[in-house]
Amino acid sequence: MKVLRGLSGTVAAGICALMLVVIGTAFMAGRRDFPGPGSESVAWHVVSAGIAVAAQIYSDKHRGFVAFSGSAVVFLIAGLLLWTQWWS
């Protein structure tokens, strides 16, 4: 279970890093007057990062199936974010 929680923690950190990249790109796009990610994409990333971090904290504080469920939520959110915002 430690390995799974460690992997989901890494994924949650990656989602946070993607959020910062999208926010930074939106900021720079607005200042330099070129098209960038819209407010919908920024909102998706902020909400996804919040859910992933909350699920990871929940997973870290619990044991057994409950911890597995928290890690599964992190992976589900990452897949949903990548599918809707990056691959479509």
Protein backbone atom coordinates (compact mmCIF):
# COMPACT_ATOMS: atom_id res chain seq x y z
CA MET A 1 0.00 0.00 0.00
CA LYS A 2 2.92 2.35 0.64
CA VAL A 3 4.01 2.06 -2.98
CA LEU A 4 0.52 2.84 -4.27
CA ARG A 5 0.20 5.86 -1.98
CA GLY A 6 3.65 7.03 -3.05
CA LEU A 7 2.74 6.71 -6.71
CA SER A 8 -0.57 8.51 -6.25
CA GLY A 9 1.27 11.24 -4.33
CA THR A 10 3.58 11.69 -7.28
CA VAL A 11 0.60 11.89 -9.62
CA ALA A 12 -1.10 14.46 -7.35
CA ALA A 13 2.10 16.54 -7.38
CA GLY A 14 2.16 16.27 -11.18
CA ILE A 15 -1.40 17.55 -11.36
CA CYS A 16 -0.38 20.52 -9.20
CA ALA A 17 2.59 21.16 -11.49
CA LEU A 18 0.30 21.08 -14.55
CA MET A 19 -2.02 23.51 -12.80
CA LEU A 20 0.84 25.95 -12.24
CA VAL A 21 1.95 25.63 -15.86
CA VAL A 22 -1.56 26.32 -17.16
CA ILE A 23 -2.04 29.29 -14.82
CA GLY A 24 1.36 30.69 -15.81
CA THR A 25 0.62 30.21 -19.49
CA ALA A 26 -2.77 31.92 -19.16
CA PHE A 27 -1.14 34.83 -17.34
CA MET A 28 1.60 35.22 -19.94
CA ALA A 29 -0.89 34.88 -22.79
CA GLY A 30 -2.97 37.70 -21.38
CA ARG A 31 0.04 39.98 -20.91
CA ARG A 32 1.55 39.31 -24.32
CA ASP A 33 -1.72 39.26 -26.23
CA PHE A 34 -1.53 35.77 -27.70
CA PRO A 35 -4.05 32.96 -27.40
CA GLY A 36 -3.59 30.71 -24.43
CA PRO A 37 -5.64 28.44 -22.24
CA GLY A 38 -9.02 29.86 -21.42
CA SER A 39 -10.62 30.30 -18.05
CA GLU A 40 -12.40 26.95 -18.42
CA SER A 41 -9.10 25.10 -18.73
CA VAL A 42 -7.64 26.99 -15.77
CA ALA A 43 -10.72 26.14 -13.69
CA TRP A 44 -10.49 22.44 -14.64
CA HIS A 45 -6.87 22.33 -13.51
CA VAL A 46 -7.46 24.20 -10.24
CA VAL A 47 -10.45 22.02 -9.27
CA SER A 48 -8.65 18.82 -10.30
CA ALA A 49 -5.57 19.74 -8.29
CA GLY A 50 -7.70 20.51 -5.24
CA ILE A 51 -9.56 17.20 -5.45
CA ALA A 52 -6.35 15.23 -6.06
CA VAL A 53 -4.54 16.80 -3.11
CA ALA A 54 -7.54 16.27 -0.82
CA ALA A 55 -7.84 12.63 -1.92
CA GLN A 56 -4.12 12.10 -1.40
CA ILE A 57 -4.21 13.56 2.11
CA TYR A 58 -7.21 11.35 2.87
CA SER A 59 -5.35 8.32 1.53
CA ASP A 60 -2.25 9.13 3.58
CA LYS A 61 -4.24 9.39 6.81
CA HIS A 62 -6.11 6.10 6.44
CA ARG A 63 -5.25 2.44 5.94
CA GLY A 64 -6.63 -0.49 3.98
CA PHE A 65 -9.36 -0.19 1.38
CA VAL A 66 -10.09 3.42 2.34
CA ALA A 67 -6.50 4.40 1.51
CA PHE A 68 -6.75 2.48 -1.76
CA SER A 69 -9.95 4.39 -2.59
CA GLY A 70 -8.23 7.73 -2.01
CA SER A 71 -5.37 6.74 -4.30
CA ALA A 72 -7.85 5.52 -6.91
CA VAL A 73 -9.55 8.93 -6.86
CA VAL A 74 -6.19 10.60 -7.57
CA PHE A 75 -5.62 8.33 -10.58
CA LEU A 76 -9.20 8.84 -11.78
CA ILE A 77 -8.91 12.63 -11.55
CA ALA A 78 -5.57 12.56 -13.39
CA GLY A 79 -7.03 10.45 -16.17
CA LEU A 80 -10.10 12.64 -16.44
CA LEU A 81 -8.01 15.82 -16.54
CA LEU A 82 -5.65 14.46 -19.18
CA TRP A 83 -8.49 13.10 -21.28
CA THR A 84 -10.64 16.24 -21.25
CA GLN A 85 -8.00 18.99 -21.27
CA TRP A 86 -4.90 17.61 -22.93
CA TRP A 87 -5.89 14.82 -25.34
CA SER A 88 -9.16 16.06 -26.78
